[in-house]
Full PDB file with SEQRES, HELIX, SHEET, SSBOND, CRYST1, ORIGX, SCALE, CONECT and MASTER records, all heavy atoms in Angstrom:
SEQRES   1 A   41  LEU VAL GLN PRO GLY GLY SER LEU ARG LEU SER CYS ALA          
SEQRES   2 A   41  VAL SER GLU ALA THR PHE THR ILE GLY LEU MET GLY TRP          
SEQRES   3 A   41  HIS ARG GLN ALA PRO GLY LYS GLU ARG GLU LEU VAL ALA          
SEQRES   4 A   41  ARG ILE                                                      
SHEET    1 AA1 2 GLY A  25  ARG A  28  0                                        
SHEET    2 AA1 2 GLU A  36  ARG A  40 -1                                        
CRYST1    1.000    1.000    1.000  90.00  90.00  90.00 P 1           1          
ORIGX1      1.000000  0.000000  0.000000        0.00000                         
ORIGX2      0.000000  1.000000  0.000000        0.00000                         
ORIGX3      0.000000  0.000000  1.000000        0.00000                         
SCALE1      1.000000  0.000000  0.000000        0.00000                         
SCALE2      0.000000  1.000000  0.000000        0.00000                         
SCALE3      0.000000  0.000000  1.000000        0.00000                         
ATOM      1  N   LEU A   1       0.829  -1.227   0.018  1.00  0.00           N  
ATOM      2  CA  LEU A   1       0.009  -0.025   0.021  1.00  0.00           C  
ATOM      3  C   LEU A   1       0.928   1.241  -0.085  1.00  0.00           C  
ATOM      4  O   LEU A   1       1.725   1.259   0.852  1.00  0.00           O  
ATOM      5  CB  LEU A   1      -0.862  -0.046   1.252  1.00  0.00           C  
ATOM      6  CG  LEU A   1      -1.787   1.277   1.435  1.00  0.00           C  
ATOM      7  CD1 LEU A   1      -2.654   1.414   0.311  1.00  0.00           C  
ATOM      8  CD2 LEU A   1      -2.385   1.232   2.844  1.00  0.00           C  
ATOM      9  N   VAL A   2       0.494   2.151  -0.957  1.00  0.00           N  
ATOM     10  CA  VAL A   2       1.259   3.435  -0.950  1.00  0.00           C  
ATOM     11  C   VAL A   2       0.207   4.524  -1.194  1.00  0.00           C  
ATOM     12  O   VAL A   2      -0.802   4.260  -1.737  1.00  0.00           O  
ATOM     13  CB  VAL A   2       2.426   3.550  -2.063  1.00  0.00           C  
ATOM     14  CG1 VAL A   2       3.451   2.420  -1.725  1.00  0.00           C  
ATOM     15  CG2 VAL A   2       1.826   3.270  -3.404  1.00  0.00           C  
ATOM     16  N   GLN A   3       0.679   5.765  -0.960  1.00  0.00           N  
ATOM     17  CA  GLN A   3      -0.186   6.925  -1.139  1.00  0.00           C  
ATOM     18  C   GLN A   3       0.016   7.354  -2.641  1.00  0.00           C  
ATOM     19  O   GLN A   3       1.006   7.154  -3.240  1.00  0.00           O  
ATOM     20  CB  GLN A   3       0.153   7.978  -0.228  1.00  0.00           C  
ATOM     21  CG  GLN A   3      -0.267   7.809   1.211  1.00  0.00           C  
ATOM     22  CD  GLN A   3      -0.016   8.953   2.083  1.00  0.00           C  
ATOM     23  OE1 GLN A   3       0.981   9.595   2.062  1.00  0.00           O  
ATOM     24  NE2 GLN A   3      -1.003   9.213   3.011  1.00  0.00           N  
ATOM     25  N   PRO A   4      -1.034   8.074  -3.147  1.00  0.00           N  
ATOM     26  CA  PRO A   4      -0.878   8.654  -4.522  1.00  0.00           C  
ATOM     27  C   PRO A   4       0.402   9.466  -4.635  1.00  0.00           C  
ATOM     28  O   PRO A   4       0.685  10.262  -3.788  1.00  0.00           O  
ATOM     29  CB  PRO A   4      -2.123   9.450  -4.727  1.00  0.00           C  
ATOM     30  CG  PRO A   4      -3.138   8.840  -3.842  1.00  0.00           C  
ATOM     31  CD  PRO A   4      -2.367   8.364  -2.621  1.00  0.00           C  
ATOM     32  N   GLY A   5       1.160   9.363  -5.786  1.00  0.00           N  
ATOM     33  CA  GLY A   5       2.409   9.924  -5.917  1.00  0.00           C  
ATOM     34  C   GLY A   5       3.647   9.217  -5.447  1.00  0.00           C  
ATOM     35  O   GLY A   5       4.747   9.574  -5.822  1.00  0.00           O  
ATOM     36  N   GLY A   6       3.429   8.171  -4.782  1.00  0.00           N  
ATOM     37  CA  GLY A   6       4.512   7.352  -4.270  1.00  0.00           C  
ATOM     38  C   GLY A   6       5.035   6.361  -5.282  1.00  0.00           C  
ATOM     39  O   GLY A   6       4.636   6.350  -6.462  1.00  0.00           O  
ATOM     40  N   SER A   7       5.956   5.554  -4.807  1.00  0.00           N  
ATOM     41  CA  SER A   7       6.703   4.591  -5.753  1.00  0.00           C  
ATOM     42  C   SER A   7       6.707   3.155  -5.117  1.00  0.00           C  
ATOM     43  O   SER A   7       6.746   3.085  -3.844  1.00  0.00           O  
ATOM     44  CB  SER A   7       8.124   5.038  -5.998  1.00  0.00           C  
ATOM     45  OG  SER A   7       8.072   6.266  -6.731  1.00  0.00           O  
ATOM     46  N   LEU A   8       6.729   2.161  -5.911  1.00  0.00           N  
ATOM     47  CA  LEU A   8       6.960   0.893  -5.475  1.00  0.00           C  
ATOM     48  C   LEU A   8       7.966   0.149  -6.571  1.00  0.00           C  
ATOM     49  O   LEU A   8       7.888   0.576  -7.658  1.00  0.00           O  
ATOM     50  CB  LEU A   8       5.749  -0.048  -5.358  1.00  0.00           C  
ATOM     51  CG  LEU A   8       4.834   0.272  -4.165  1.00  0.00           C  
ATOM     52  CD1 LEU A   8       3.447  -0.521  -4.446  1.00  0.00           C  
ATOM     53  CD2 LEU A   8       5.420  -0.083  -2.885  1.00  0.00           C  
ATOM     54  N   ARG A   9       8.607  -0.816  -6.086  1.00  0.00           N  
ATOM     55  CA  ARG A   9       9.460  -1.616  -6.986  1.00  0.00           C  
ATOM     56  C   ARG A   9       9.007  -3.130  -6.786  1.00  0.00           C  
ATOM     57  O   ARG A   9       9.281  -3.664  -5.838  1.00  0.00           O  
ATOM     58  CB  ARG A   9      10.853  -1.397  -6.701  1.00  0.00           C  
ATOM     59  CG  ARG A   9      11.759  -2.033  -7.805  1.00  0.00           C  
ATOM     60  CD  ARG A   9      13.269  -1.843  -7.486  1.00  0.00           C  
ATOM     61  NE  ARG A   9      14.137  -2.341  -8.611  1.00  0.00           N  
ATOM     62  CZ  ARG A   9      14.523  -1.813  -9.691  1.00  0.00           C  
ATOM     63  NH1 ARG A   9      14.129  -0.546  -9.853  1.00  0.00           N  
ATOM     64  NH2 ARG A   9      15.221  -2.434 -10.561  1.00  0.00           N  
ATOM     65  N   LEU A  10       8.411  -3.672  -7.874  1.00  0.00           N  
ATOM     66  CA  LEU A  10       8.029  -5.039  -7.847  1.00  0.00           C  
ATOM     67  C   LEU A  10       9.239  -5.810  -8.465  1.00  0.00           C  
ATOM     68  O   LEU A  10       9.908  -5.531  -9.417  1.00  0.00           O  
ATOM     69  CB  LEU A  10       6.823  -5.307  -8.815  1.00  0.00           C  
ATOM     70  CG  LEU A  10       5.529  -4.511  -8.430  1.00  0.00           C  
ATOM     71  CD1 LEU A  10       4.507  -4.960  -9.318  1.00  0.00           C  
ATOM     72  CD2 LEU A  10       5.133  -4.863  -7.021  1.00  0.00           C  
ATOM     73  N   SER A  11       9.347  -7.080  -7.906  1.00  0.00           N  
ATOM     74  CA  SER A  11      10.401  -7.991  -8.317  1.00  0.00           C  
ATOM     75  C   SER A  11       9.835  -9.405  -8.482  1.00  0.00           C  
ATOM     76  O   SER A  11       8.902  -9.762  -7.727  1.00  0.00           O  
ATOM     77  CB  SER A  11      11.536  -8.070  -7.299  1.00  0.00           C  
ATOM     78  OG  SER A  11      12.633  -8.843  -7.882  1.00  0.00           O  
ATOM     79  N   CYS A  12      10.229 -10.059  -9.493  1.00  0.00           N  
ATOM     80  CA  CYS A  12       9.768 -11.442  -9.901  1.00  0.00           C  
ATOM     81  C   CYS A  12      11.022 -12.284 -10.027  1.00  0.00           C  
ATOM     82  O   CYS A  12      11.739 -12.011 -11.012  1.00  0.00           O  
ATOM     83  CB  CYS A  12       8.872 -11.378 -11.007  1.00  0.00           C  
ATOM     84  SG  CYS A  12       8.347 -13.042 -11.515  1.00  0.00           S  
ATOM     85  N   ALA A  13      11.201 -13.300  -9.244  1.00  0.00           N  
ATOM     86  CA  ALA A  13      12.207 -14.257  -9.350  1.00  0.00           C  
ATOM     87  C   ALA A  13      11.641 -15.575  -9.925  1.00  0.00           C  
ATOM     88  O   ALA A  13      10.724 -16.105  -9.343  1.00  0.00           O  
ATOM     89  CB  ALA A  13      12.953 -14.499  -7.981  1.00  0.00           C  
ATOM     90  N   VAL A  14      12.221 -16.041 -10.986  1.00  0.00           N  
ATOM     91  CA  VAL A  14      11.786 -17.183 -11.706  1.00  0.00           C  
ATOM     92  C   VAL A  14      12.736 -18.300 -11.407  1.00  0.00           C  
ATOM     93  O   VAL A  14      13.927 -18.216 -11.490  1.00  0.00           O  
ATOM     94  CB  VAL A  14      11.664 -17.020 -13.226  1.00  0.00           C  
ATOM     95  CG1 VAL A  14      11.043 -18.177 -13.932  1.00  0.00           C  
ATOM     96  CG2 VAL A  14      10.796 -15.780 -13.493  1.00  0.00           C  
ATOM     97  N   SER A  15      12.270 -19.532 -11.059  1.00  0.00           N  
ATOM     98  CA  SER A  15      13.003 -20.665 -10.936  1.00  0.00           C  
ATOM     99  C   SER A  15      12.419 -21.990 -11.450  1.00  0.00           C  
ATOM    100  O   SER A  15      11.286 -21.909 -11.914  1.00  0.00           O  
ATOM    101  CB  SER A  15      13.282 -20.931  -9.379  1.00  0.00           C  
ATOM    102  OG  SER A  15      12.074 -21.279  -8.814  1.00  0.00           O  
ATOM    103  N   GLU A  16      13.244 -22.960 -11.664  1.00  0.00           N  
ATOM    104  CA  GLU A  16      12.783 -24.238 -12.199  1.00  0.00           C  
ATOM    105  C   GLU A  16      12.293 -24.071 -13.700  1.00  0.00           C  
ATOM    106  O   GLU A  16      11.516 -25.022 -14.114  1.00  0.00           O  
ATOM    107  CB  GLU A  16      11.771 -24.915 -11.304  1.00  0.00           C  
ATOM    108  CG  GLU A  16      12.211 -25.194  -9.975  1.00  0.00           C  
ATOM    109  CD  GLU A  16      11.137 -25.919  -9.062  1.00  0.00           C  
ATOM    110  OE1 GLU A  16      10.271 -26.595  -9.612  1.00  0.00           O  
ATOM    111  OE2 GLU A  16      11.254 -25.702  -7.822  1.00  0.00           O  
ATOM    112  N   ALA A  17      12.783 -23.061 -14.284  1.00  0.00           N  
ATOM    113  CA  ALA A  17      12.502 -22.938 -15.724  1.00  0.00           C  
ATOM    114  C   ALA A  17      13.699 -23.567 -16.566  1.00  0.00           C  
ATOM    115  O   ALA A  17      14.717 -22.921 -16.675  1.00  0.00           O  
ATOM    116  CB  ALA A  17      12.219 -21.547 -16.154  1.00  0.00           C  
ATOM    117  N   THR A  18      13.512 -24.715 -17.177  1.00  0.00           N  
ATOM    118  CA  THR A  18      14.532 -25.338 -17.791  1.00  0.00           C  
ATOM    119  C   THR A  18      14.708 -24.976 -19.293  1.00  0.00           C  
ATOM    120  O   THR A  18      15.552 -25.323 -19.945  1.00  0.00           O  
ATOM    121  CB  THR A  18      14.412 -26.947 -17.730  1.00  0.00           C  
ATOM    122  OG1 THR A  18      13.153 -27.281 -18.200  1.00  0.00           O  
ATOM    123  CG2 THR A  18      14.483 -27.388 -16.252  1.00  0.00           C  
ATOM    124  N   PHE A  19      13.709 -24.210 -19.746  1.00  0.00           N  
ATOM    125  CA  PHE A  19      13.598 -23.795 -21.083  1.00  0.00           C  
ATOM    126  C   PHE A  19      14.243 -22.492 -21.314  1.00  0.00           C  
ATOM    127  O   PHE A  19      14.418 -21.826 -20.278  1.00  0.00           O  
ATOM    128  CB  PHE A  19      12.162 -23.694 -21.663  1.00  0.00           C  
ATOM    129  CG  PHE A  19      11.259 -22.986 -20.710  1.00  0.00           C  
ATOM    130  CD1 PHE A  19      11.190 -21.578 -21.000  1.00  0.00           C  
ATOM    131  CD2 PHE A  19      10.471 -23.508 -19.797  1.00  0.00           C  
ATOM    132  CE1 PHE A  19      10.342 -20.797 -20.203  1.00  0.00           C  
ATOM    133  CE2 PHE A  19       9.618 -22.789 -18.975  1.00  0.00           C  
ATOM    134  CZ  PHE A  19       9.516 -21.446 -19.201  1.00  0.00           C  
ATOM    135  N   THR A  20      14.465 -22.005 -22.533  1.00  0.00           N  
ATOM    136  CA  THR A  20      14.989 -20.727 -22.757  1.00  0.00           C  
ATOM    137  C   THR A  20      13.898 -19.675 -22.706  1.00  0.00           C  
ATOM    138  O   THR A  20      12.882 -19.862 -23.302  1.00  0.00           O  
ATOM    139  CB  THR A  20      15.598 -20.613 -24.214  1.00  0.00           C  
ATOM    140  OG1 THR A  20      16.747 -21.618 -24.295  1.00  0.00           O  
ATOM    141  CG2 THR A  20      16.120 -19.279 -24.513  1.00  0.00           C  
ATOM    142  N   ILE A  21      14.028 -18.715 -21.798  1.00  0.00           N  
ATOM    143  CA  ILE A  21      13.049 -17.664 -21.508  1.00  0.00           C  
ATOM    144  C   ILE A  21      13.092 -16.622 -22.625  1.00  0.00           C  
ATOM    145  O   ILE A  21      14.141 -16.029 -22.922  1.00  0.00           O  
ATOM    146  CB  ILE A  21      13.294 -17.088 -20.207  1.00  0.00           C  
ATOM    147  CG1 ILE A  21      13.010 -18.133 -19.065  1.00  0.00           C  
ATOM    148  CG2 ILE A  21      12.278 -15.836 -19.968  1.00  0.00           C  
ATOM    149  CD1 ILE A  21      13.199 -17.693 -17.708  1.00  0.00           C  
ATOM    150  N   GLY A  22      11.950 -16.335 -23.248  1.00  0.00           N  
ATOM    151  CA  GLY A  22      11.806 -15.229 -24.221  1.00  0.00           C  
ATOM    152  C   GLY A  22      11.286 -14.006 -23.685  1.00  0.00           C  
ATOM    153  O   GLY A  22      12.089 -13.376 -22.784  1.00  0.00           O  
ATOM    154  N   LEU A  23      10.089 -13.665 -23.882  1.00  0.00           N  
ATOM    155  CA  LEU A  23       9.550 -12.433 -23.341  1.00  0.00           C  
ATOM    156  C   LEU A  23       9.264 -12.581 -21.925  1.00  0.00           C  
ATOM    157  O   LEU A  23       8.965 -13.545 -21.455  1.00  0.00           O  
ATOM    158  CB  LEU A  23       8.243 -12.096 -24.224  1.00  0.00           C  
ATOM    159  CG  LEU A  23       7.688 -10.782 -24.221  1.00  0.00           C  
ATOM    160  CD1 LEU A  23       8.691  -9.864 -24.992  1.00  0.00           C  
ATOM    161  CD2 LEU A  23       6.344 -10.772 -24.923  1.00  0.00           C  
ATOM    162  N   MET A  24       9.553 -11.392 -21.186  1.00  0.00           N  
ATOM    163  CA  MET A  24       9.192 -11.331 -19.782  1.00  0.00           C  
ATOM    164  C   MET A  24       8.460 -10.131 -19.516  1.00  0.00           C  
ATOM    165  O   MET A  24       8.665  -9.153 -20.178  1.00  0.00           O  
ATOM    166  CB  MET A  24      10.451 -11.387 -18.979  1.00  0.00           C  
ATOM    167  CG  MET A  24      11.428 -12.540 -19.174  1.00  0.00           C  
ATOM    168  SD  MET A  24      13.015 -12.461 -18.295  1.00  0.00           S  
ATOM    169  CE  MET A  24      12.455 -12.824 -16.634  1.00  0.00           C  
ATOM    170  N   GLY A  25       7.611 -10.074 -18.442  1.00  0.00           N  
ATOM    171  CA  GLY A  25       6.890  -8.873 -18.187  1.00  0.00           C  
ATOM    172  C   GLY A  25       5.951  -8.983 -17.110  1.00  0.00           C  
ATOM    173  O   GLY A  25       5.904  -9.910 -16.338  1.00  0.00           O  
ATOM    174  N   TRP A  26       5.029  -7.954 -16.971  1.00  0.00           N  
ATOM    175  CA  TRP A  26       4.006  -7.832 -16.068  1.00  0.00           C  
ATOM    176  C   TRP A  26       2.682  -7.515 -16.712  1.00  0.00           C  
ATOM    177  O   TRP A  26       2.649  -6.607 -17.684  1.00  0.00           O  
ATOM    178  CB  TRP A  26       4.273  -6.762 -14.971  1.00  0.00           C  
ATOM    179  CG  TRP A  26       5.517  -7.012 -14.194  1.00  0.00           C  
ATOM    180  CD1 TRP A  26       6.784  -6.784 -14.530  1.00  0.00           C  
ATOM    181  CD2 TRP A  26       5.536  -7.624 -12.954  1.00  0.00           C  
ATOM    182  NE1 TRP A  26       7.620  -7.211 -13.446  1.00  0.00           N  
ATOM    183  CE2 TRP A  26       6.854  -7.658 -12.507  1.00  0.00           C  
ATOM    184  CE3 TRP A  26       4.470  -8.095 -12.072  1.00  0.00           C  
ATOM    185  CZ2 TRP A  26       7.243  -8.191 -11.300  1.00  0.00           C  
ATOM    186  CZ3 TRP A  26       4.981  -8.655 -10.799  1.00  0.00           C  
ATOM    187  CH2 TRP A  26       6.246  -8.643 -10.421  1.00  0.00           C  
ATOM    188  N   HIS A  27       1.544  -8.064 -16.314  1.00  0.00           N  
ATOM    189  CA  HIS A  27       0.296  -7.631 -16.550  1.00  0.00           C  
ATOM    190  C   HIS A  27      -0.424  -7.311 -15.252  1.00  0.00           C  
ATOM    191  O   HIS A  27       0.097  -7.658 -14.170  1.00  0.00           O  
ATOM    192  CB  HIS A  27      -0.625  -8.842 -17.270  1.00  0.00           C  
ATOM    193  CG  HIS A  27      -0.237  -9.012 -18.634  1.00  0.00           C  
ATOM    194  ND1 HIS A  27      -1.201  -9.528 -19.535  1.00  0.00           N  
ATOM    195  CD2 HIS A  27       1.035  -8.823 -19.466  1.00  0.00           C  
ATOM    196  CE1 HIS A  27      -0.524  -9.697 -20.762  1.00  0.00           C  
ATOM    197  NE2 HIS A  27       0.670  -9.273 -20.737  1.00  0.00           N  
ATOM    198  N   ARG A  28      -1.570  -6.749 -15.305  1.00  0.00           N  
ATOM    199  CA  ARG A  28      -2.339  -6.420 -14.086  1.00  0.00           C  
ATOM    200  C   ARG A  28      -3.818  -6.521 -14.366  1.00  0.00           C  
ATOM    201  O   ARG A  28      -4.300  -6.419 -15.499  1.00  0.00           O  
ATOM    202  CB  ARG A  28      -1.906  -5.087 -13.547  1.00  0.00           C  
ATOM    203  CG  ARG A  28      -2.513  -3.760 -14.405  1.00  0.00           C  
ATOM    204  CD  ARG A  28      -2.054  -2.612 -13.823  1.00  0.00           C  
ATOM    205  NE  ARG A  28      -2.639  -1.432 -14.568  1.00  0.00           N  
ATOM    206  CZ  ARG A  28      -2.318  -0.079 -14.356  1.00  0.00           C  
ATOM    207  NH1 ARG A  28      -1.333   0.212 -13.539  1.00  0.00           N  
ATOM    208  NH2 ARG A  28      -2.926   0.789 -15.121  1.00  0.00           N  
ATOM    209  N   GLN A  29      -4.502  -6.767 -13.268  1.00  0.00           N  
ATOM    210  CA  GLN A  29      -6.025  -6.843 -13.389  1.00  0.00           C  
ATOM    211  C   GLN A  29      -6.578  -5.973 -12.161  1.00  0.00           C  
ATOM    212  O   GLN A  29      -6.315  -6.243 -10.961  1.00  0.00           O  
ATOM    213  CB  GLN A  29      -6.487  -8.167 -13.290  1.00  0.00           C  
ATOM    214  CG  GLN A  29      -8.015  -8.320 -13.563  1.00  0.00           C  
ATOM    215  CD  GLN A  29      -8.365  -9.733 -13.976  1.00  0.00           C  
ATOM    216  OE1 GLN A  29      -7.707 -10.693 -13.654  1.00  0.00           O  
ATOM    217  NE2 GLN A  29      -9.556  -9.769 -14.617  1.00  0.00           N  
ATOM    218  N   ALA A  30      -7.329  -4.822 -12.484  1.00  0.00           N  
ATOM    219  CA  ALA A  30      -7.878  -4.039 -11.499  1.00  0.00           C  
ATOM    220  C   ALA A  30      -9.375  -4.534 -11.223  1.00  0.00           C  
ATOM    221  O   ALA A  30      -9.988  -5.227 -12.164  1.00  0.00           O  
ATOM    222  CB  ALA A  30      -7.949  -2.623 -11.970  1.00  0.00           C  
ATOM    223  N   PRO A  31      -9.973  -4.196 -10.143  1.00  0.00           N  
ATOM    224  CA  PRO A  31     -11.279  -4.670  -9.891  1.00  0.00           C  
ATOM    225  C   PRO A  31     -12.293  -4.139 -10.972  1.00  0.00           C  
ATOM    226  O   PRO A  31     -12.239  -2.973 -11.354  1.00  0.00           O  
ATOM    227  CB  PRO A  31     -11.715  -3.826  -8.586  1.00  0.00           C  
ATOM    228  CG  PRO A  31     -10.366  -3.691  -7.869  1.00  0.00           C  
ATOM    229  CD  PRO A  31      -9.400  -3.387  -9.045  1.00  0.00           C  
ATOM    230  N   GLY A  32     -12.972  -5.098 -11.544  1.00  0.00           N  
ATOM    231  CA  GLY A  32     -14.054  -4.771 -12.603  1.00  0.00           C  
ATOM    232  C   GLY A  32     -13.401  -4.555 -13.944  1.00  0.00           C  
ATOM    233  O   GLY A  32     -14.197  -4.210 -14.814  1.00  0.00           O  
ATOM    234  N   LYS A  33     -12.210  -4.796 -14.130  1.00  0.00           N  
ATOM    235  CA  LYS A  33     -11.559  -4.593 -15.378  1.00  0.00           C  
ATOM    236  C   LYS A  33     -10.893  -5.855 -15.856  1.00  0.00           C  
ATOM    237  O   LYS A  33     -10.633  -6.819 -15.100  1.00  0.00           O  
ATOM    238  CB  LYS A  33     -10.572  -3.476 -15.264  1.00  0.00           C  
ATOM    239  CG  LYS A  33     -11.090  -2.147 -14.995  1.00  0.00           C  
ATOM    240  CD  LYS A  33     -10.054  -1.033 -14.915  1.00  0.00           C  
ATOM    241  CE  LYS A  33      -9.518  -0.697 -16.280  1.00  0.00           C  
ATOM    242  NZ  LYS A  33      -8.502   0.384 -16.273  1.00  0.00           N  
ATOM    243  N   GLU A  34     -10.620  -5.868 -17.265  1.00  0.00           N  
ATOM    244  CA  GLU A  34      -9.881  -7.003 -17.826  1.00  0.00           C  
ATOM    245  C   GLU A  34      -8.411  -6.891 -17.485  1.00  0.00           C  
ATOM    246  O   GLU A  34      -7.878  -5.851 -17.352  1.00  0.00           O  
ATOM    247  CB  GLU A  34     -10.149  -6.978 -19.362  1.00  0.00           C  
ATOM    248  CG  GLU A  34     -11.597  -7.261 -19.781  1.00  0.00           C  
ATOM    249  CD  GLU A  34     -12.086  -8.627 -19.362  1.00  0.00           C  
ATOM    250  OE1 GLU A  34     -11.224  -9.548 -19.599  1.00  0.00           O  
ATOM    251  OE2 GLU A  34     -13.274  -8.751 -18.957  1.00  0.00           O  
ATOM    252  N   ARG A  35      -7.666  -8.013 -17.609  1.00  0.00           N  
ATOM    253  CA  ARG A  35      -6.311  -8.073 -17.470  1.00  0.00           C  
ATOM    254  C   ARG A  35      -5.684  -7.237 -18.576  1.00  0.00           C  
ATOM    255  O   ARG A  35      -5.995  -7.395 -19.728  1.00  0.00           O  
ATOM    256  CB  ARG A  35      -5.726  -9.530 -17.291  1.00  0.00           C  
ATOM    257  CG  ARG A  35      -4.324  -9.562 -17.002  1.00  0.00           C  
ATOM    258  CD  ARG A  35      -3.949 -10.933 -16.781  1.00  0.00           C  
ATOM    259  NE  ARG A  35      -4.503 -11.640 -15.663  1.00  0.00           N  
ATOM    260  CZ  ARG A  35      -4.145 -12.754 -15.177  1.00  0.00           C  
ATOM    261  NH1 ARG A  35      -2.991 -13.518 -15.680  1.00  0.00           N  
ATOM    262  NH2 ARG A  35      -4.836 -13.348 -14.273  1.00  0.00           N  
ATOM    263  N   GLU A  36      -4.630  -6.491 -18.273  1.00  0.00           N  
ATOM    264  CA  GLU A  36      -4.017  -5.578 -19.303  1.00  0.00           C  
ATOM    265  C   GLU A  36      -2.494  -5.679 -19.178  1.00  0.00           C  
ATOM    266  O   GLU A  36      -1.945  -5.912 -18.053  1.00  0.00           O  
ATOM    267  CB  GLU A  36      -4.540  -4.143 -19.092  1.00  0.00           C  
ATOM    268  CG  GLU A  36      -4.080  -3.414 -17.929  1.00  0.00           C  
ATOM    269  CD  GLU A  36      -4.463  -1.972 -17.875  1.00  0.00           C  
ATOM    270  OE1 GLU A  36      -4.870  -1.451 -18.870  1.00  0.00           O  
ATOM    271  OE2 GLU A  36      -4.433  -1.327 -16.739  1.00  0.00           O  
ATOM    272  N   LEU A  37      -1.765  -5.437 -20.317  1.00  0.00           N  
ATOM    273  CA  LEU A  37      -0.354  -5.311 -20.278  1.00  0.00           C  
ATOM    274  C   LEU A  37       0.043  -4.098 -19.503  1.00  0.00           C  
ATOM    275  O   LEU A  37      -0.453  -2.987 -19.743  1.00  0.00           O  
ATOM    276  CB  LEU A  37       0.132  -5.273 -21.732  1.00  0.00           C  
ATOM    277  CG  LEU A  37       1.523  -4.965 -21.873  1.00  0.00           C  
ATOM    278  CD1 LEU A  37       2.431  -6.219 -21.439  1.00  0.00           C  
ATOM    279  CD2 LEU A  37       1.941  -4.551 -23.328  1.00  0.00           C  
ATOM    280  N   VAL A  38       1.043  -4.324 -18.565  1.00  0.00           N  
ATOM    281  CA  VAL A  38       1.765  -3.160 -17.985  1.00  0.00           C  
ATOM    282  C   VAL A  38       3.028  -2.891 -18.707  1.00  0.00           C  
ATOM    283  O   VAL A  38       3.286  -1.829 -19.271  1.00  0.00           O  
ATOM    284  CB  VAL A  38       1.980  -3.477 -16.541  1.00  0.00           C  
ATOM    285  CG1 VAL A  38       2.705  -2.278 -15.829  1.00  0.00           C  
ATOM    286  CG2 VAL A  38       0.774  -3.669 -15.766  1.00  0.00           C  
ATOM    287  N   ALA A  39       3.905  -3.930 -18.885  1.00  0.00           N  
ATOM    288  CA  ALA A  39       5.172  -3.738 -19.563  1.00  0.00           C  
ATOM    289  C   ALA A  39       5.779  -5.153 -19.987  1.00  0.00           C  
ATOM    290  O   ALA A  39       5.433  -6.082 -19.217  1.00  0.00           O  
ATOM    291  CB  ALA A  39       6.170  -2.963 -18.671  1.00  0.00           C  
ATOM    292  N   ARG A  40       6.518  -5.253 -21.002  1.00  0.00           N  
ATOM    293  CA  ARG A  40       7.190  -6.447 -21.275  1.00  0.00           C  
ATOM    294  C   ARG A  40       8.462  -6.055 -21.984  1.00  0.00           C  
ATOM    295  O   ARG A  40       8.703  -5.040 -22.498  1.00  0.00           O  
ATOM    296  CB  ARG A  40       6.329  -7.299 -22.311  1.00  0.00           C  
ATOM    297  CG  ARG A  40       5.909  -6.659 -23.543  1.00  0.00           C  
ATOM    298  CD  ARG A  40       4.842  -7.390 -24.229  1.00  0.00           C  
ATOM    299  NE  ARG A  40       4.390  -6.914 -25.536  1.00  0.00           N  
ATOM    300  CZ  ARG A  40       3.348  -7.389 -26.179  1.00  0.00           C  
ATOM    301  NH1 ARG A  40       2.638  -8.425 -25.766  1.00  0.00           N  
ATOM    302  NH2 ARG A  40       2.897  -6.689 -27.312  1.00  0.00           N  
ATOM    303  N   ILE A  41       9.428  -7.069 -21.894  1.00  0.00           N  
ATOM    304  CA  ILE A  41      10.836  -6.934 -22.375  1.00  0.00           C  
ATOM    305  C   ILE A  41      11.317  -8.111 -23.002  1.00  0.00           C  
ATOM    306  O   ILE A  41      11.033  -9.284 -22.561  1.00  0.00           O  
ATOM    307  CB  ILE A  41      11.690  -6.389 -21.171  1.00  0.00           C  
ATOM    308  CG1 ILE A  41      13.052  -6.017 -21.735  1.00  0.00           C  
ATOM    309  CG2 ILE A  41      11.629  -7.327 -19.978  1.00  0.00           C  
ATOM    310  CD1 ILE A  41      13.839  -5.318 -20.612  1.00  0.00           C  
TER     311      ILE A  41                                                      
MASTER        0    0    0    0    2    0    0    6  310    1    0    4          
END                                                                             
C-alpha cells in the first residue's frame, strides 16, 4: 500500500524454468476490469 504519488518496485524471481526464456513482463488486473499489459521486455 502506498499513497498517490508514491513509488513501489516489484520484483519477480523465476526458478525451475529449464527452457530458454523469451519475453518477460507484467500484466495487471484491477477490480471490474480486464487483465491488461503493463510492460514487457
